[in-house]
C-alpha cells in the first residue's frame, strides 16, 4: 500500500467534509448562491479525487508501476489547483485564479489517464498468484 497517498486521502476527505459543512452553514450569510455553488463544485471534485487517492493507495497490491504514483501526485496537484482556485474565488472574489482552475482539471485528466496506461501496460498481480 502507498501509505503517503492513503494519509493524503484521509486528510483531503476530512477537509472536504469540513469545507462542505462550512459552505452549507457558514457561507449563506456572507456570499451569493452562485458563489456557494462554485465553492461546492470545488468540494465535489475534491471528494471525487479523495476517492481516487484511496484507489491509488491500495493499487500497490495489484499494480506495480511508477505511473500510479504520478497519478496520485497529479490528483493532489489537481485538488490544490482546481478546488483551491474555486475556494479562493468563491470566498475572496480573487479573479486571477480563473486560469488556474483548468490547469487543475488537466491534472485530474492526466491522473486518470496514467492509471489507465498503468493498467494497460503492466502485469496485474492476481490475488491467486
N, C-alpha and C. Protein backbone atom coordinates (compact mmCIF):
# COMPACT_ATOMS: atom_id res chain seq x y z
N UNK A 1 0.85 -1.19 0.00
CA UNK A 1 0.00 0.00 0.00
C UNK A 1 0.88 1.24 0.00
N UNK A 2 0.46 2.23 -0.70
CA UNK A 2 1.16 3.51 -0.75
C UNK A 2 0.61 4.37 0.38
N UNK A 3 1.27 4.27 1.55
CA UNK A 3 0.74 4.89 2.77
C UNK A 3 0.62 6.41 2.69
N UNK A 4 1.56 7.05 2.02
CA UNK A 4 1.50 8.50 1.90
C UNK A 4 0.24 8.98 1.20
N UNK A 5 -0.14 8.27 0.14
CA UNK A 5 -1.37 8.65 -0.57
C UNK A 5 -2.60 8.36 0.29
N UNK A 6 -2.55 7.30 1.08
CA UNK A 6 -3.68 7.00 1.96
C UNK A 6 -3.82 8.10 3.02
N UNK A 7 -2.70 8.56 3.56
CA UNK A 7 -2.73 9.66 4.53
C UNK A 7 -3.28 10.93 3.89
N UNK A 8 -2.80 11.25 2.69
CA UNK A 8 -3.28 12.45 1.99
C UNK A 8 -4.77 12.33 1.68
N UNK A 9 -5.23 11.13 1.34
CA UNK A 9 -6.66 10.92 1.07
C UNK A 9 -7.48 11.15 2.34
N UNK A 10 -6.98 10.65 3.46
CA UNK A 10 -7.71 10.83 4.72
C UNK A 10 -7.80 12.31 5.08
N UNK A 11 -6.70 13.04 4.91
CA UNK A 11 -6.71 14.48 5.22
C UNK A 11 -7.58 15.25 4.23
N UNK A 12 -7.52 14.87 2.97
CA UNK A 12 -8.36 15.52 1.96
C UNK A 12 -9.83 15.26 2.23
N UNK A 13 -10.17 14.04 2.60
CA UNK A 13 -11.56 13.72 2.93
C UNK A 13 -12.05 14.53 4.12
N UNK A 14 -11.21 14.64 5.14
CA UNK A 14 -11.54 15.45 6.32
C UNK A 14 -11.81 16.90 5.90
N UNK A 15 -10.90 17.43 5.09
CA UNK A 15 -11.05 18.83 4.65
C UNK A 15 -12.30 19.01 3.79
N UNK A 16 -12.59 18.04 2.93
CA UNK A 16 -13.76 18.16 2.06
C UNK A 16 -15.05 18.18 2.89
N UNK A 17 -15.12 17.33 3.92
CA UNK A 17 -16.30 17.34 4.79
C UNK A 17 -16.41 18.67 5.52
N UNK A 18 -15.29 19.14 6.06
CA UNK A 18 -15.29 20.41 6.79
C UNK A 18 -15.67 21.57 5.88
N UNK A 19 -15.10 21.60 4.67
CA UNK A 19 -15.42 22.68 3.74
C UNK A 19 -16.86 22.60 3.25
N UNK A 20 -17.35 21.39 3.04
CA UNK A 20 -18.76 21.23 2.65
C UNK A 20 -19.70 21.73 3.74
N UNK A 21 -19.38 21.43 4.99
CA UNK A 21 -20.20 21.92 6.11
C UNK A 21 -20.12 23.44 6.21
N UNK A 22 -18.92 23.97 6.00
CA UNK A 22 -18.74 25.42 6.01
C UNK A 22 -19.59 26.06 4.92
N UNK A 23 -19.60 25.46 3.73
CA UNK A 23 -20.40 26.01 2.63
C UNK A 23 -21.88 25.95 2.96
N UNK A 24 -22.31 24.87 3.58
CA UNK A 24 -23.73 24.70 3.88
C UNK A 24 -24.21 25.60 5.00
N UNK A 25 -23.34 25.90 5.95
CA UNK A 25 -23.79 26.63 7.13
C UNK A 25 -23.16 28.01 7.30
N UNK A 26 -21.95 28.18 6.84
CA UNK A 26 -21.25 29.44 7.10
C UNK A 26 -21.26 30.45 5.98
N UNK A 27 -21.53 30.01 4.77
CA UNK A 27 -21.44 30.94 3.64
C UNK A 27 -22.75 31.63 3.29
N UNK A 28 -23.86 31.11 3.76
CA UNK A 28 -25.16 31.67 3.39
C UNK A 28 -25.29 33.15 3.68
N UNK A 29 -24.72 33.59 4.77
CA UNK A 29 -24.89 34.99 5.16
C UNK A 29 -23.81 35.91 4.60
N UNK A 30 -22.79 35.35 3.95
CA UNK A 30 -21.68 36.21 3.52
C UNK A 30 -21.47 36.28 2.02
N UNK A 31 -22.16 35.41 1.26
CA UNK A 31 -21.96 35.45 -0.19
C UNK A 31 -23.23 35.03 -0.92
N UNK A 32 -23.17 35.05 -2.23
CA UNK A 32 -24.34 34.75 -3.05
C UNK A 32 -24.48 33.23 -3.27
N UNK A 33 -25.65 32.86 -3.73
CA UNK A 33 -25.90 31.46 -4.07
C UNK A 33 -24.98 30.97 -5.17
N UNK A 34 -24.66 31.85 -6.11
CA UNK A 34 -23.75 31.48 -7.20
C UNK A 34 -22.37 31.16 -6.66
N UNK A 35 -21.87 31.96 -5.72
CA UNK A 35 -20.55 31.71 -5.14
C UNK A 35 -20.55 30.44 -4.29
N UNK A 36 -21.65 30.16 -3.62
CA UNK A 36 -21.76 28.92 -2.84
C UNK A 36 -21.72 27.72 -3.79
N UNK A 37 -22.38 27.83 -4.93
CA UNK A 37 -22.37 26.74 -5.91
C UNK A 37 -20.96 26.50 -6.45
N UNK A 38 -20.22 27.57 -6.69
CA UNK A 38 -18.83 27.45 -7.14
C UNK A 38 -17.98 26.79 -6.06
N UNK A 39 -18.15 27.21 -4.83
CA UNK A 39 -17.43 26.62 -3.71
C UNK A 39 -17.75 25.12 -3.60
N UNK A 40 -19.04 24.79 -3.73
CA UNK A 40 -19.47 23.39 -3.64
C UNK A 40 -18.91 22.54 -4.78
N UNK A 41 -18.72 23.14 -5.95
CA UNK A 41 -18.10 22.41 -7.05
C UNK A 41 -16.67 22.02 -6.67
N UNK A 42 -15.96 22.92 -6.02
CA UNK A 42 -14.62 22.59 -5.53
C UNK A 42 -14.65 21.45 -4.53
N UNK A 43 -15.61 21.48 -3.62
CA UNK A 43 -15.76 20.40 -2.63
C UNK A 43 -16.06 19.08 -3.33
N UNK A 44 -16.95 19.13 -4.30
CA UNK A 44 -17.36 17.92 -5.03
C UNK A 44 -16.17 17.25 -5.71
N UNK A 45 -15.39 18.04 -6.44
CA UNK A 45 -14.23 17.48 -7.14
C UNK A 45 -13.13 17.06 -6.17
N UNK A 46 -13.02 17.74 -5.05
CA UNK A 46 -12.06 17.30 -4.04
C UNK A 46 -12.47 15.92 -3.52
N UNK A 47 -13.76 15.72 -3.28
CA UNK A 47 -14.24 14.42 -2.83
C UNK A 47 -13.97 13.33 -3.87
N UNK A 48 -14.31 13.59 -5.13
CA UNK A 48 -14.07 12.59 -6.17
C UNK A 48 -12.62 12.14 -6.15
N UNK A 49 -11.72 13.10 -6.05
CA UNK A 49 -10.31 12.77 -6.16
C UNK A 49 -9.70 12.31 -4.84
N UNK A 50 -10.42 12.51 -3.76
CA UNK A 50 -10.05 11.87 -2.50
C UNK A 50 -10.23 10.36 -2.66
N UNK A 51 -11.33 9.95 -3.27
CA UNK A 51 -11.55 8.53 -3.52
C UNK A 51 -10.54 7.98 -4.53
N UNK A 52 -10.16 8.80 -5.49
CA UNK A 52 -9.12 8.38 -6.44
C UNK A 52 -7.79 8.16 -5.71
N UNK A 53 -7.47 9.01 -4.74
CA UNK A 53 -6.25 8.82 -3.95
C UNK A 53 -6.30 7.54 -3.14
N UNK A 54 -7.48 7.19 -2.63
CA UNK A 54 -7.61 5.92 -1.91
C UNK A 54 -7.35 4.76 -2.87
N UNK A 55 -7.86 4.85 -4.09
CA UNK A 55 -7.60 3.81 -5.09
C UNK A 55 -6.11 3.71 -5.39
N UNK A 56 -5.45 4.85 -5.52
CA UNK A 56 -4.00 4.86 -5.76
C UNK A 56 -3.27 4.20 -4.59
N UNK A 57 -3.69 4.53 -3.38
CA UNK A 57 -3.03 3.98 -2.19
C UNK A 57 -3.12 2.46 -2.16
N UNK A 58 -4.26 1.90 -2.52
CA UNK A 58 -4.44 0.46 -2.45
C UNK A 58 -4.03 -0.27 -3.72
N UNK A 59 -3.79 0.45 -4.80
CA UNK A 59 -3.47 -0.21 -6.07
C UNK A 59 -2.13 -0.93 -6.03
N UNK A 60 -1.28 -0.60 -5.08
CA UNK A 60 0.01 -1.27 -4.97
C UNK A 60 -0.12 -2.76 -4.74
N UNK A 61 -1.26 -3.20 -4.27
CA UNK A 61 -1.49 -4.63 -4.08
C UNK A 61 -1.69 -5.35 -5.41
N UNK A 62 -2.06 -4.61 -6.45
CA UNK A 62 -2.37 -5.23 -7.74
C UNK A 62 -1.51 -4.73 -8.87
N UNK A 63 -1.04 -3.51 -8.78
CA UNK A 63 -0.26 -2.92 -9.87
C UNK A 63 1.11 -2.49 -9.35
N UNK A 64 2.11 -2.72 -10.17
CA UNK A 64 3.44 -2.21 -9.85
C UNK A 64 3.85 -1.27 -10.98
N UNK A 65 3.70 0.00 -10.76
CA UNK A 65 4.05 0.99 -11.77
C UNK A 65 4.26 2.34 -11.13
N UNK A 66 5.29 3.03 -11.56
CA UNK A 66 5.52 4.40 -11.11
C UNK A 66 4.44 5.34 -11.66
N UNK A 67 3.78 4.91 -12.73
CA UNK A 67 2.70 5.73 -13.28
C UNK A 67 1.59 5.94 -12.26
N UNK A 68 1.35 4.94 -11.42
CA UNK A 68 0.33 5.07 -10.39
C UNK A 68 0.73 6.16 -9.39
N UNK A 69 2.01 6.19 -9.02
CA UNK A 69 2.47 7.25 -8.12
C UNK A 69 2.29 8.62 -8.75
N UNK A 70 2.65 8.73 -10.03
CA UNK A 70 2.49 10.01 -10.71
C UNK A 70 1.02 10.41 -10.79
N UNK A 71 0.15 9.43 -10.97
CA UNK A 71 -1.29 9.71 -10.98
C UNK A 71 -1.71 10.30 -9.64
N UNK A 72 -1.21 9.73 -8.55
CA UNK A 72 -1.53 10.25 -7.22
C UNK A 72 -1.05 11.68 -7.03
N UNK A 73 0.18 11.95 -7.49
CA UNK A 73 0.69 13.32 -7.39
C UNK A 73 -0.16 14.29 -8.21
N UNK A 74 -0.58 13.84 -9.39
CA UNK A 74 -1.43 14.71 -10.22
C UNK A 74 -2.79 14.94 -9.58
N UNK A 75 -3.35 13.92 -8.93
CA UNK A 75 -4.62 14.12 -8.23
C UNK A 75 -4.46 15.14 -7.11
N UNK A 76 -3.37 15.03 -6.35
CA UNK A 76 -3.13 16.01 -5.27
C UNK A 76 -2.97 17.42 -5.83
N UNK A 77 -2.18 17.54 -6.89
CA UNK A 77 -1.99 18.85 -7.51
C UNK A 77 -3.30 19.38 -8.08
N UNK A 78 -4.09 18.48 -8.66
CA UNK A 78 -5.39 18.89 -9.19
C UNK A 78 -6.32 19.40 -8.11
N UNK A 79 -6.31 18.75 -6.95
CA UNK A 79 -7.13 19.22 -5.83
C UNK A 79 -6.72 20.63 -5.43
N UNK A 80 -5.42 20.84 -5.32
CA UNK A 80 -4.93 22.16 -4.91
C UNK A 80 -5.29 23.21 -5.96
N UNK A 81 -5.02 22.91 -7.23
CA UNK A 81 -5.24 23.91 -8.28
C UNK A 81 -6.73 24.09 -8.60
N UNK A 82 -7.44 23.00 -8.84
CA UNK A 82 -8.84 23.10 -9.24
C UNK A 82 -9.70 23.55 -8.06
N UNK A 83 -9.74 22.73 -7.02
CA UNK A 83 -10.61 23.05 -5.89
C UNK A 83 -10.12 24.30 -5.17
N UNK A 84 -8.82 24.40 -4.97
CA UNK A 84 -8.27 25.57 -4.26
C UNK A 84 -8.60 26.87 -4.96
N UNK A 85 -8.50 26.89 -6.28
CA UNK A 85 -8.81 28.13 -7.01
C UNK A 85 -10.29 28.48 -6.91
N UNK A 86 -11.15 27.45 -6.91
CA UNK A 86 -12.58 27.72 -6.74
C UNK A 86 -12.89 28.24 -5.35
N UNK A 87 -12.22 27.68 -4.33
CA UNK A 87 -12.41 28.16 -2.96
C UNK A 87 -11.99 29.63 -2.85
N UNK A 88 -10.83 29.96 -3.40
CA UNK A 88 -10.36 31.35 -3.34
C UNK A 88 -11.30 32.30 -4.07
N UNK A 89 -11.76 31.88 -5.22
CA UNK A 89 -12.66 32.74 -5.99
C UNK A 89 -13.98 32.96 -5.24
N UNK A 90 -14.54 31.87 -4.72
CA UNK A 90 -15.84 31.98 -4.04
C UNK A 90 -15.74 32.76 -2.74
N UNK A 91 -14.64 32.59 -2.03
CA UNK A 91 -14.50 33.26 -0.72
C UNK A 91 -14.01 34.69 -0.82
N UNK A 92 -13.04 34.92 -1.70
CA UNK A 92 -12.39 36.22 -1.73
C UNK A 92 -12.63 37.00 -3.01
N UNK A 93 -13.28 36.38 -3.99
CA UNK A 93 -13.51 37.05 -5.26
C UNK A 93 -12.24 37.26 -6.06
N UNK A 94 -11.25 36.42 -5.81
CA UNK A 94 -9.95 36.54 -6.48
C UNK A 94 -10.09 36.02 -7.90
N UNK A 95 -10.18 36.93 -8.86
CA UNK A 95 -10.45 36.55 -10.24
C UNK A 95 -9.23 36.02 -10.99
N UNK A 96 -8.04 36.34 -10.52
CA UNK A 96 -6.85 35.85 -11.22
C UNK A 96 -6.70 34.34 -11.10
N UNK A 97 -7.48 33.71 -10.23
CA UNK A 97 -7.42 32.25 -10.11
C UNK A 97 -8.14 31.55 -11.26
N UNK A 98 -8.91 32.29 -12.05
CA UNK A 98 -9.67 31.70 -13.16
C UNK A 98 -8.84 30.82 -14.08
N UNK A 99 -7.67 31.25 -14.53
CA UNK A 99 -6.86 30.40 -15.41
C UNK A 99 -6.24 29.19 -14.70
N UNK A 100 -6.20 29.22 -13.39
CA UNK A 100 -5.60 28.11 -12.64
C UNK A 100 -6.55 26.91 -12.59
N UNK A 101 -7.84 27.17 -12.53
CA UNK A 101 -8.83 26.09 -12.41
C UNK A 101 -8.69 25.05 -13.52
N UNK A 102 -8.61 25.45 -14.79
CA UNK A 102 -8.46 24.43 -15.84
C UNK A 102 -7.15 23.64 -15.73
N UNK A 103 -6.10 24.25 -15.21
CA UNK A 103 -4.86 23.51 -15.02
C UNK A 103 -5.07 22.36 -14.03
N UNK A 104 -5.86 22.61 -13.00
CA UNK A 104 -6.20 21.55 -12.06
C UNK A 104 -7.01 20.46 -12.74
N UNK A 105 -7.92 20.86 -13.61
CA UNK A 105 -8.71 19.89 -14.36
C UNK A 105 -7.84 19.02 -15.26
N UNK A 106 -6.83 19.64 -15.87
CA UNK A 106 -5.90 18.87 -16.70
C UNK A 106 -5.12 17.88 -15.84
N UNK A 107 -4.74 18.28 -14.64
CA UNK A 107 -4.07 17.35 -13.72
C UNK A 107 -4.96 16.15 -13.40
N UNK A 108 -6.24 16.40 -13.15
CA UNK A 108 -7.17 15.30 -12.92
C UNK A 108 -7.22 14.36 -14.12
N UNK A 109 -7.37 14.93 -15.31
CA UNK A 109 -7.45 14.12 -16.52
C UNK A 109 -6.19 13.29 -16.72
N UNK A 110 -5.04 13.90 -16.54
CA UNK A 110 -3.78 13.18 -16.72
C UNK A 110 -3.62 12.07 -15.68
N UNK A 111 -4.06 12.33 -14.45
CA UNK A 111 -4.00 11.30 -13.42
C UNK A 111 -4.81 10.08 -13.81
N UNK A 112 -6.03 10.30 -14.28
CA UNK A 112 -6.87 9.18 -14.71
C UNK A 112 -6.25 8.46 -15.91
N UNK A 113 -5.68 9.22 -16.83
CA UNK A 113 -5.05 8.63 -18.00
C UNK A 113 -3.85 7.77 -17.59
N UNK A 114 -3.05 8.23 -16.64
CA UNK A 114 -1.90 7.45 -16.18
C UNK A 114 -2.33 6.15 -15.53
N UNK A 115 -3.43 6.18 -14.80
CA UNK A 115 -3.94 4.93 -14.22
C UNK A 115 -4.33 3.96 -15.34
N UNK A 116 -5.00 4.47 -16.36
CA UNK A 116 -5.40 3.61 -17.48
C UNK A 116 -4.17 3.02 -18.19
N UNK A 117 -3.16 3.84 -18.40
CA UNK A 117 -1.93 3.36 -19.05
C UNK A 117 -1.23 2.33 -18.17
N UNK A 118 -1.18 2.57 -16.89
CA UNK A 118 -0.54 1.61 -15.97
C UNK A 118 -1.25 0.27 -16.00
N UNK A 119 -2.57 0.29 -16.02
CA UNK A 119 -3.34 -0.95 -16.07
C UNK A 119 -3.10 -1.65 -17.41
N UNK A 120 -3.08 -0.87 -18.47
CA UNK A 120 -2.91 -1.42 -19.81
C UNK A 120 -1.53 -2.04 -20.00
N UNK A 121 -0.48 -1.36 -19.53
CA UNK A 121 0.90 -1.77 -19.82
C UNK A 121 1.48 -2.78 -18.85
N UNK A 122 1.07 -2.73 -17.61
CA UNK A 122 1.74 -3.53 -16.60
C UNK A 122 0.98 -4.80 -16.28
N UNK A 123 1.74 -5.74 -15.80
CA UNK A 123 1.18 -7.00 -15.34
C UNK A 123 0.36 -6.73 -14.10
N UNK A 124 -0.87 -7.15 -14.10
CA UNK A 124 -1.72 -7.02 -12.93
C UNK A 124 -1.49 -8.25 -12.06
N UNK A 125 -1.16 -8.03 -10.81
CA UNK A 125 -0.93 -9.13 -9.89
C UNK A 125 -2.28 -9.68 -9.46
N UNK A 126 -2.54 -10.93 -9.77
CA UNK A 126 -3.79 -11.56 -9.38
C UNK A 126 -3.73 -11.96 -7.92
N UNK A 127 -4.85 -11.97 -7.26
CA UNK A 127 -4.90 -12.36 -5.86
C UNK A 127 -4.51 -13.82 -5.66
N UNK A 128 -4.70 -14.65 -6.70
CA UNK A 128 -4.38 -16.07 -6.59
C UNK A 128 -2.90 -16.36 -6.78
N UNK A 129 -2.13 -15.40 -7.27
CA UNK A 129 -0.69 -15.61 -7.52
C UNK A 129 0.08 -15.78 -6.24
